[in-house]
Amino acid sequence: MEDAIRWARTSVTVNLRDARSGKIFGRLEASERAASADYDEAVRRSAVAAAKKIADQIHRAINGYLESI
């Protein structure tokens, strides 16, 4: 049997809301694709990569918001 490459994509959307005012101060999106011979591994890789991207965006958005208030 031929070893085929399996692709997986993970997309993440996060809205950051100020709890006091209710105002949304950040809408963040990240998407990542990954490949592996094993589909579950491709899913895991794409999820980990998207999580790293969104974590960095969240960090920057919160810091920027806190500096502006």
C-alpha atoms as a PDB file:
ATOM      1  CA  MET A   1       0.000   0.000   0.000  1.00  0.00           C
ATOM      2  CA  GLU A   2       1.258   3.424  -0.939  1.00  0.00           C
ATOM      3  CA  ASP A   3       2.053   5.881   1.857  1.00  0.00           C
ATOM      4  CA  ALA A   4      -0.146   8.862   1.075  1.00  0.00           C
ATOM      5  CA  ILE A   5       0.288  12.238   2.669  1.00  0.00           C
ATOM      6  CA  ARG A   6      -2.729  13.355   4.683  1.00  0.00           C
ATOM      7  CA  TRP A   7      -3.428  17.065   5.180  1.00  0.00           C
ATOM      8  CA  ALA A   8      -5.287  18.711   8.052  1.00  0.00           C
ATOM      9  CA  ARG A   9      -6.291  22.317   8.659  1.00  0.00           C
ATOM     10  CA  THR A  10      -7.107  23.996  11.949  1.00  0.00           C
ATOM     11  CA  SER A  11      -8.816  27.385  12.128  1.00  0.00           C
ATOM     12  CA  VAL A  12      -9.249  29.398  15.317  1.00  0.00           C
ATOM     13  CA  THR A  13     -11.218  32.594  16.005  1.00  0.00           C
ATOM     14  CA  VAL A  14     -10.990  34.384  19.355  1.00  0.00           C
ATOM     15  CA  ASN A  15     -12.855  37.495  20.480  1.00  0.00           C
ATOM     16  CA  LEU A  16     -11.351  39.379  23.425  1.00  0.00           C
ATOM     17  CA  ARG A  17     -13.889  41.298  25.500  1.00  0.00           C
ATOM     18  CA  ASP A  18     -13.326  43.773  28.315  1.00  0.00           C
ATOM     19  CA  ALA A  19     -15.294  42.282  31.219  1.00  0.00           C
ATOM     20  CA  ARG A  20     -16.080  45.678  32.716  1.00  0.00           C
ATOM     21  CA  SER A  21     -17.303  47.527  29.631  1.00  0.00           C
ATOM     22  CA  GLY A  22     -18.391  44.568  27.530  1.00  0.00           C
ATOM     23  CA  LYS A  23     -16.471  46.047  24.582  1.00  0.00           C
ATOM     24  CA  ILE A  24     -14.716  43.636  22.222  1.00  0.00           C
ATOM     25  CA  PHE A  25     -11.161  44.908  21.837  1.00  0.00           C
ATOM     26  CA  GLY A  26      -9.748  42.121  19.743  1.00  0.00           C
ATOM     27  CA  ARG A  27     -10.928  39.698  17.081  1.00  0.00           C
ATOM     28  CA  LEU A  28      -8.140  37.311  16.271  1.00  0.00           C
ATOM     29  CA  GLU A  29      -7.901  34.570  13.687  1.00  0.00           C
ATOM     30  CA  ALA A  30      -5.304  31.933  12.947  1.00  0.00           C
ATOM     31  CA  SER A  31      -5.229  29.071  10.502  1.00  0.00           C
ATOM     32  CA  GLU A  32      -2.622  26.414   9.953  1.00  0.00           C
ATOM     33  CA  ARG A  33      -2.159  23.430   7.670  1.00  0.00           C
ATOM     34  CA  ALA A  34       0.006  20.388   8.327  1.00  0.00           C
ATOM     35  CA  ALA A  35       0.796  17.117   6.596  1.00  0.00           C
ATOM     36  CA  SER A  36       1.700  13.647   7.774  1.00  0.00           C
ATOM     37  CA  ALA A  37       1.340  10.059   6.656  1.00  0.00           C
ATOM     38  CA  ASP A  38      -0.953   9.675   9.685  1.00  0.00           C
ATOM     39  CA  TYR A  39      -4.060  11.904   9.629  1.00  0.00           C
ATOM     40  CA  ASP A  40      -4.270  12.153  13.433  1.00  0.00           C
ATOM     41  CA  GLU A  41      -0.677  13.395  13.516  1.00  0.00           C
ATOM     42  CA  ALA A  42      -1.461  15.974  10.833  1.00  0.00           C
ATOM     43  CA  VAL A  43      -4.419  17.192  12.922  1.00  0.00           C
ATOM     44  CA  ARG A  44      -2.225  17.403  16.027  1.00  0.00           C
ATOM     45  CA  ARG A  45       0.500  19.339  14.186  1.00  0.00           C
ATOM     46  CA  SER A  46      -1.942  21.827  12.683  1.00  0.00           C
ATOM     47  CA  ALA A  47      -3.665  22.359  16.055  1.00  0.00           C
ATOM     48  CA  VAL A  48      -0.367  22.941  17.862  1.00  0.00           C
ATOM     49  CA  ALA A  49       0.817  25.410  15.215  1.00  0.00           C
ATOM     50  CA  ALA A  50      -2.503  27.317  15.230  1.00  0.00           C
ATOM     51  CA  ALA A  51      -2.461  27.429  19.045  1.00  0.00           C
ATOM     52  CA  LYS A  52       1.034  28.945  19.026  1.00  0.00           C
ATOM     53  CA  LYS A  53      -0.047  31.587  16.511  1.00  0.00           C
ATOM     54  CA  ILE A  54      -3.211  32.530  18.397  1.00  0.00           C
ATOM     55  CA  ALA A  55      -1.402  32.589  21.758  1.00  0.00           C
ATOM     56  CA  ASP A  56       1.064  35.137  20.385  1.00  0.00           C
ATOM     57  CA  GLN A  57      -1.777  37.247  18.962  1.00  0.00           C
ATOM     58  CA  ILE A  58      -3.671  37.137  22.282  1.00  0.00           C
ATOM     59  CA  HIS A  59      -0.564  38.227  24.180  1.00  0.00           C
ATOM     60  CA  ARG A  60       0.025  41.196  21.838  1.00  0.00           C
ATOM     61  CA  ALA A  61      -3.652  42.220  21.801  1.00  0.00           C
ATOM     62  CA  ILE A  62      -3.997  42.194  25.595  1.00  0.00           C
ATOM     63  CA  ASN A  63      -0.736  44.103  26.078  1.00  0.00           C
ATOM     64  CA  GLY A  64      -1.786  46.679  23.492  1.00  0.00           C
ATOM     65  CA  TYR A  65      -5.208  47.087  25.061  1.00  0.00           C
ATOM     66  CA  LEU A  66      -3.842  47.466  28.585  1.00  0.00           C
ATOM     67  CA  GLU A  67      -1.381  50.109  27.377  1.00  0.00           C
ATOM     68  CA  SER A  68      -4.248  52.077  25.811  1.00  0.00           C
ATOM     69  CA  ILE A  69      -6.472  52.286  28.885  1.00  0.00           C
END
